Amino acid sequence: MSNFNADVRKAIIDDVERALIGRDKTGALESETDFIMGACAVMRVINMKLYGANEEESMDCIPPIWLMWVMSHRSIVDALKDKQ
């Protein structure tokens, strides 16, 4: 389980998803995968360095759906728009 506080985790996820959609709308998004994987890397480091997660727990803060979208080559932006 993530060491992130649930409210902090939700706020970060919402901000990342909003930023992704915003970059797409302005034409600044070159790669959905790179953007999401960058966010995942930062969340993992924060979980380990600030919240004391160990290597096994470090990915627990990342929404599994982000990884599923990337692995299935599904558009993350389209999926988020469908979710809204």
C-alpha atoms as a PDB file:
ATOM      1  CA  MET A   1       0.000   0.000   0.000  1.00  0.00           C
ATOM      2  CA  SER A   2       1.187   3.490  -0.819  1.00  0.00           C
ATOM      3  CA  ASN A   3       2.607   5.597   1.963  1.00  0.00           C
ATOM      4  CA  PHE A   4       1.036   8.650   0.308  1.00  0.00           C
ATOM      5  CA  ASN A   5      -1.859  10.166   2.193  1.00  0.00           C
ATOM      6  CA  ALA A   6      -4.996   9.333   0.151  1.00  0.00           C
ATOM      7  CA  ASP A   7      -5.860  13.017  -0.332  1.00  0.00           C
ATOM      8  CA  VAL A   8      -2.318  13.873  -1.458  1.00  0.00           C
ATOM      9  CA  ARG A   9      -2.284  10.908  -3.860  1.00  0.00           C
ATOM     10  CA  LYS A  10      -5.635  11.913  -5.369  1.00  0.00           C
ATOM     11  CA  ALA A  11      -4.522  15.547  -5.736  1.00  0.00           C
ATOM     12  CA  ILE A  12      -1.318  14.509  -7.524  1.00  0.00           C
ATOM     13  CA  ILE A  13      -3.171  12.121  -9.847  1.00  0.00           C
ATOM     14  CA  ASP A  14      -5.780  14.774 -10.673  1.00  0.00           C
ATOM     15  CA  ASP A  15      -3.067  17.378 -11.338  1.00  0.00           C
ATOM     16  CA  VAL A  16      -1.090  15.029 -13.605  1.00  0.00           C
ATOM     17  CA  GLU A  17      -4.192  14.078 -15.578  1.00  0.00           C
ATOM     18  CA  ARG A  18      -5.285  17.728 -15.900  1.00  0.00           C
ATOM     19  CA  ALA A  19      -1.797  18.703 -17.072  1.00  0.00           C
ATOM     20  CA  LEU A  20      -1.786  15.891 -19.631  1.00  0.00           C
ATOM     21  CA  ILE A  21      -5.113  17.013 -21.098  1.00  0.00           C
ATOM     22  CA  GLY A  22      -4.009  20.657 -20.997  1.00  0.00           C
ATOM     23  CA  ARG A  23      -0.788  19.935 -22.866  1.00  0.00           C
ATOM     24  CA  ASP A  24      -2.758  17.989 -25.468  1.00  0.00           C
ATOM     25  CA  LYS A  25      -5.213  20.873 -25.970  1.00  0.00           C
ATOM     26  CA  THR A  26      -2.379  23.364 -26.509  1.00  0.00           C
ATOM     27  CA  GLY A  27      -0.446  21.066 -28.833  1.00  0.00           C
ATOM     28  CA  ALA A  28       2.483  20.809 -26.417  1.00  0.00           C
ATOM     29  CA  LEU A  29       2.096  17.066 -25.783  1.00  0.00           C
ATOM     30  CA  GLU A  30       4.592  15.107 -27.846  1.00  0.00           C
ATOM     31  CA  SER A  31       4.226  11.720 -26.143  1.00  0.00           C
ATOM     32  CA  GLU A  32       1.507  10.613 -23.752  1.00  0.00           C
ATOM     33  CA  THR A  33       3.654   7.676 -22.686  1.00  0.00           C
ATOM     34  CA  ASP A  34       6.687   9.810 -21.880  1.00  0.00           C
ATOM     35  CA  PHE A  35       4.560  12.255 -19.907  1.00  0.00           C
ATOM     36  CA  ILE A  36       2.855   9.539 -17.818  1.00  0.00           C
ATOM     37  CA  MET A  37       6.060   7.571 -17.263  1.00  0.00           C
ATOM     38  CA  GLY A  38       7.787  10.778 -16.117  1.00  0.00           C
ATOM     39  CA  ALA A  39       4.964  11.389 -13.650  1.00  0.00           C
ATOM     40  CA  CYS A  40       5.239   7.773 -12.448  1.00  0.00           C
ATOM     41  CA  ALA A  41       8.986   8.147 -11.896  1.00  0.00           C
ATOM     42  CA  VAL A  42       8.518  11.316  -9.856  1.00  0.00           C
ATOM     43  CA  MET A  43       5.690   9.796  -7.796  1.00  0.00           C
ATOM     44  CA  ARG A  44       7.860   6.742  -7.085  1.00  0.00           C
ATOM     45  CA  VAL A  45      10.791   8.870  -5.910  1.00  0.00           C
ATOM     46  CA  ILE A  46       8.511  10.985  -3.712  1.00  0.00           C
ATOM     47  CA  ASN A  47       7.009   7.818  -2.230  1.00  0.00           C
ATOM     48  CA  MET A  48      10.459   6.498  -1.381  1.00  0.00           C
ATOM     49  CA  LYS A  49      12.256   9.682  -0.305  1.00  0.00           C
ATOM     50  CA  LEU A  50       9.483  11.581   1.465  1.00  0.00           C
ATOM     51  CA  TYR A  51       7.181   8.787   2.611  1.00  0.00           C
ATOM     52  CA  GLY A  52       9.754   6.079   3.353  1.00  0.00           C
ATOM     53  CA  ALA A  53       8.422   3.445   0.957  1.00  0.00           C
ATOM     54  CA  ASN A  54      10.797   0.595   0.239  1.00  0.00           C
ATOM     55  CA  GLU A  55      11.563  -0.758  -3.235  1.00  0.00           C
ATOM     56  CA  GLU A  56       8.596  -3.165  -3.144  1.00  0.00           C
ATOM     57  CA  GLU A  57       6.137  -0.475  -2.041  1.00  0.00           C
ATOM     58  CA  SER A  58       7.484   2.298  -4.227  1.00  0.00           C
ATOM     59  CA  MET A  59       5.027   1.789  -7.112  1.00  0.00           C
ATOM     60  CA  ASP A  60       1.941   1.467  -4.911  1.00  0.00           C
ATOM     61  CA  CYS A  61       1.152   5.172  -5.288  1.00  0.00           C
ATOM     62  CA  ILE A  62       0.829   4.938  -9.073  1.00  0.00           C
ATOM     63  CA  PRO A  63      -2.601   4.260 -10.563  1.00  0.00           C
ATOM     64  CA  PRO A  64      -2.432   0.849 -12.277  1.00  0.00           C
ATOM     65  CA  ILE A  65      -4.673   2.132 -15.078  1.00  0.00           C
ATOM     66  CA  TRP A  66      -1.908   4.515 -16.196  1.00  0.00           C
ATOM     67  CA  LEU A  67       0.366   1.541 -16.799  1.00  0.00           C
ATOM     68  CA  MET A  68      -2.411  -0.455 -18.473  1.00  0.00           C
ATOM     69  CA  TRP A  69      -3.119   2.399 -20.912  1.00  0.00           C
ATOM     70  CA  VAL A  70       0.559   2.605 -21.817  1.00  0.00           C
ATOM     71  CA  MET A  71       0.975  -1.162 -22.249  1.00  0.00           C
ATOM     72  CA  SER A  72      -2.178  -1.460 -24.368  1.00  0.00           C
ATOM     73  CA  HIS A  73      -1.171   1.478 -26.602  1.00  0.00           C
ATOM     74  CA  ARG A  74      -4.481   3.152 -25.767  1.00  0.00           C
ATOM     75  CA  SER A  75      -4.642   6.929 -25.877  1.00  0.00           C
ATOM     76  CA  ILE A  76      -4.486   8.171 -22.308  1.00  0.00           C
ATOM     77  CA  VAL A  77      -5.950  11.530 -23.313  1.00  0.00           C
ATOM     78  CA  ASP A  78      -8.926   9.826 -25.000  1.00  0.00           C
ATOM     79  CA  ALA A  79      -9.462   7.578 -21.975  1.00  0.00           C
ATOM     80  CA  LEU A  80      -9.418  10.584 -19.634  1.00  0.00           C
ATOM     81  CA  LYS A  81     -11.859  12.475 -21.853  1.00  0.00           C
ATOM     82  CA  ASP A  82     -14.173   9.420 -21.825  1.00  0.00           C
ATOM     83  CA  LYS A  83     -13.901   9.353 -18.020  1.00  0.00           C
ATOM     84  CA  GLN A  84     -15.061  12.969 -17.683  1.00  0.00           C
END
